[in-house]
Amino acid sequence: MIQTILGLVGLALLAAAPIMIFHGLAGRRGVTHELEQQRISFPPTGLPAPLGVYAGRPVRTGTEARAYSDLIAEHVSAATGGRTYAEIAAECQNSKTDEKLGKLRETAFMGETLRGALLGAYQAWQVTLLVIGLGGLCAAIGVGFIALALG
């Protein structure tokens, strides 16, 4: 009885594995397609040292999206003096007529929004990797269960 259950579970895992791997790879293609549609590219020069490897490259992967979000974070931080959108928005409440502060708030908002979208792409990229890995793990466990059932 236990051998039959192990065999059935093994078959179920083997059936699930290629589906998970397929959907993980399809998800990666989807992330790449969406990033390509945005036509985001790293500037060819002037990147901070850790991002130098991306110089002139288009953003096509979740890892590149995360790196570009880091670039945006540096630019926003430089523009705002290290203040966040929330901090600047609070300052705007106290100084509603300061146009320069209002523009700075818009800059911080746009930068942090873009950064959030790129980090979302990075997270999706990571989830696809997890799904692909779990598909491989299901296949390995399925083979193991079938071997136990037959052996």
Protein backbone atom coordinates (compact mmCIF):
# COMPACT_ATOMS: atom_id res chain seq x y z
CA MET A 1 0.00 0.00 0.00
CA ILE A 2 2.75 2.47 0.93
CA GLN A 3 4.63 1.64 -2.27
CA THR A 4 1.51 2.44 -4.30
CA ILE A 5 1.07 5.80 -2.53
CA LEU A 6 4.75 6.65 -3.02
CA GLY A 7 4.46 5.75 -6.69
CA LEU A 8 1.35 7.88 -7.17
CA VAL A 9 2.85 10.84 -5.33
CA GLY A 10 6.02 10.42 -7.40
CA LEU A 11 3.98 10.45 -10.62
CA ALA A 12 2.06 13.53 -9.46
CA LEU A 13 5.30 15.35 -8.68
CA LEU A 14 6.77 14.34 -12.03
CA ALA A 15 3.63 15.65 -13.74
CA ALA A 16 3.76 18.95 -11.83
CA ALA A 17 7.47 19.56 -12.41
CA PRO A 18 7.42 20.46 -16.13
CA ILE A 19 4.33 22.62 -15.62
CA MET A 20 6.11 24.61 -12.90
CA ILE A 21 9.27 24.93 -14.97
CA PHE A 22 7.26 25.99 -18.04
CA HIS A 23 5.37 28.66 -16.10
CA GLY A 24 8.54 29.90 -14.42
CA LEU A 25 10.24 30.30 -17.80
CA ALA A 26 7.11 31.92 -19.26
CA GLY A 27 7.11 34.36 -16.34
CA ARG A 28 10.71 35.27 -17.06
CA ARG A 29 9.87 35.87 -20.71
CA GLY A 30 6.98 38.07 -19.58
CA VAL A 31 9.18 40.17 -17.30
CA THR A 32 11.77 40.53 -20.07
CA HIS A 33 9.07 41.51 -22.58
CA GLU A 34 7.62 44.16 -20.28
CA LEU A 35 11.03 45.61 -19.48
CA GLU A 36 11.97 45.70 -23.18
CA GLN A 37 8.75 47.60 -23.91
CA GLN A 38 9.91 50.34 -21.53
CA ARG A 39 13.13 50.86 -23.55
CA ILE A 40 15.17 51.58 -20.42
CA SER A 41 18.93 51.66 -20.90
CA PHE A 42 21.79 52.44 -18.60
CA PRO A 43 23.79 55.48 -19.62
CA PRO A 44 27.05 54.55 -21.37
CA THR A 45 29.16 56.59 -18.94
CA GLY A 46 29.00 58.15 -15.51
CA LEU A 47 27.62 55.19 -13.60
CA PRO A 48 28.65 54.54 -10.01
CA ALA A 49 31.36 51.88 -9.75
CA PRO A 50 29.09 49.00 -8.67
CA LEU A 51 26.84 49.61 -11.69
CA GLY A 52 29.65 50.04 -14.22
CA VAL A 53 29.09 46.55 -15.66
CA TYR A 54 25.70 47.73 -16.95
CA ALA A 55 27.00 50.75 -18.89
CA GLY A 56 25.10 51.21 -22.14
CA ARG A 57 23.04 48.02 -21.67
CA PRO A 58 19.26 47.84 -21.93
CA VAL A 59 17.28 46.74 -18.89
CA ARG A 60 15.93 43.26 -19.76
CA THR A 61 16.16 41.18 -16.58
CA GLY A 62 15.02 41.51 -13.01
CA THR A 63 18.61 41.86 -11.87
CA GLU A 64 19.13 44.75 -14.29
CA ALA A 65 15.84 46.31 -13.13
CA ARG A 66 17.10 46.22 -9.55
CA ALA A 67 20.40 47.80 -10.58
CA TYR A 68 18.56 50.55 -12.46
CA SER A 69 16.37 51.16 -9.41
CA ASP A 70 19.59 51.62 -7.42
CA LEU A 71 20.70 54.23 -9.97
CA ILE A 72 17.37 56.04 -9.61
CA ALA A 73 17.73 55.90 -5.81
CA GLU A 74 21.12 57.60 -6.04
CA HIS A 75 19.77 60.31 -8.34
CA VAL A 76 16.72 60.95 -6.16
CA SER A 77 18.86 61.03 -3.03
CA ALA A 78 21.22 63.54 -4.64
CA ALA A 79 18.30 65.72 -5.77
CA THR A 80 16.52 65.64 -2.40
CA GLY A 81 19.52 65.79 -0.12
CA GLY A 82 18.77 62.29 1.11
CA ARG A 83 15.18 63.05 2.06
CA THR A 84 12.34 60.73 1.10
CA TYR A 85 9.08 61.68 -0.58
CA ALA A 86 7.28 61.38 2.77
CA GLU A 87 9.70 63.79 4.42
CA ILE A 88 9.44 66.31 1.62
CA ALA A 89 5.64 66.00 1.52
CA ALA A 90 5.56 66.79 5.24
CA GLU A 91 7.70 69.86 4.60
CA CYS A 92 5.28 70.92 1.85
CA GLN A 93 2.43 70.86 4.37
CA ASN A 94 4.25 73.55 6.35
CA SER A 95 5.24 75.59 3.28
CA LYS A 96 2.45 75.39 0.70
CA THR A 97 3.73 78.32 -1.37
CA ASP A 98 7.32 77.11 -1.87
CA GLU A 99 7.36 76.15 -5.58
CA LYS A 100 10.88 74.77 -5.41
CA LEU A 101 9.87 72.41 -2.61
CA GLY A 102 6.78 71.40 -4.60
CA LYS A 103 8.94 70.49 -7.61
CA LEU A 104 11.28 68.56 -5.34
CA ARG A 105 8.28 66.64 -3.99
CA GLU A 106 7.28 65.74 -7.57
CA THR A 107 10.82 64.61 -8.34
CA ALA A 108 10.92 62.42 -5.23
CA PHE A 109 7.47 61.00 -5.99
CA MET A 110 8.32 60.11 -9.59
CA GLY A 111 11.70 58.65 -8.64
CA GLU A 112 10.33 56.52 -5.84
CA THR A 113 7.41 55.37 -8.02
CA LEU A 114 9.73 54.32 -10.85
CA ARG A 115 11.97 52.63 -8.36
CA GLY A 116 9.05 50.71 -6.90
CA ALA A 117 7.96 49.52 -10.35
CA LEU A 118 11.47 48.30 -11.16
CA LEU A 119 11.75 46.56 -7.80
CA GLY A 120 8.43 44.86 -8.58
CA ALA A 121 9.97 43.51 -11.78
CA TYR A 122 12.94 42.30 -9.75
CA GLN A 123 10.63 40.54 -7.28
CA ALA A 124 8.71 38.88 -10.12
CA TRP A 125 12.03 37.74 -11.60
CA GLN A 126 13.00 36.19 -8.27
CA VAL A 127 9.63 34.43 -7.94
CA THR A 128 10.06 32.89 -11.40
CA LEU A 129 13.43 31.56 -10.32
CA LEU A 130 11.81 30.03 -7.25
CA VAL A 131 9.09 28.37 -9.36
CA ILE A 132 11.67 26.93 -11.76
CA GLY A 133 13.75 25.63 -8.84
CA LEU A 134 10.72 24.10 -7.17
CA GLY A 135 9.83 22.42 -10.44
CA GLY A 136 13.27 20.85 -10.54
CA LEU A 137 12.95 19.81 -6.91
CA CYS A 138 9.53 18.22 -7.59
CA ALA A 139 11.07 16.26 -10.44
CA ALA A 140 13.91 14.98 -8.25
CA ILE A 141 11.60 14.03 -5.38
CA GLY A 142 9.18 12.41 -7.81
CA VAL A 143 11.95 10.25 -9.25
CA GLY A 144 13.02 9.34 -5.72
CA PHE A 145 9.50 8.35 -4.71
CA ILE A 146 9.06 6.22 -7.81
CA ALA A 147 12.40 4.54 -7.16
CA LEU A 148 11.27 3.76 -3.60
CA ALA A 149 7.97 2.41 -4.87
CA LEU A 150 9.67 0.15 -7.40
CA GLY A 151 12.53 -0.87 -5.18
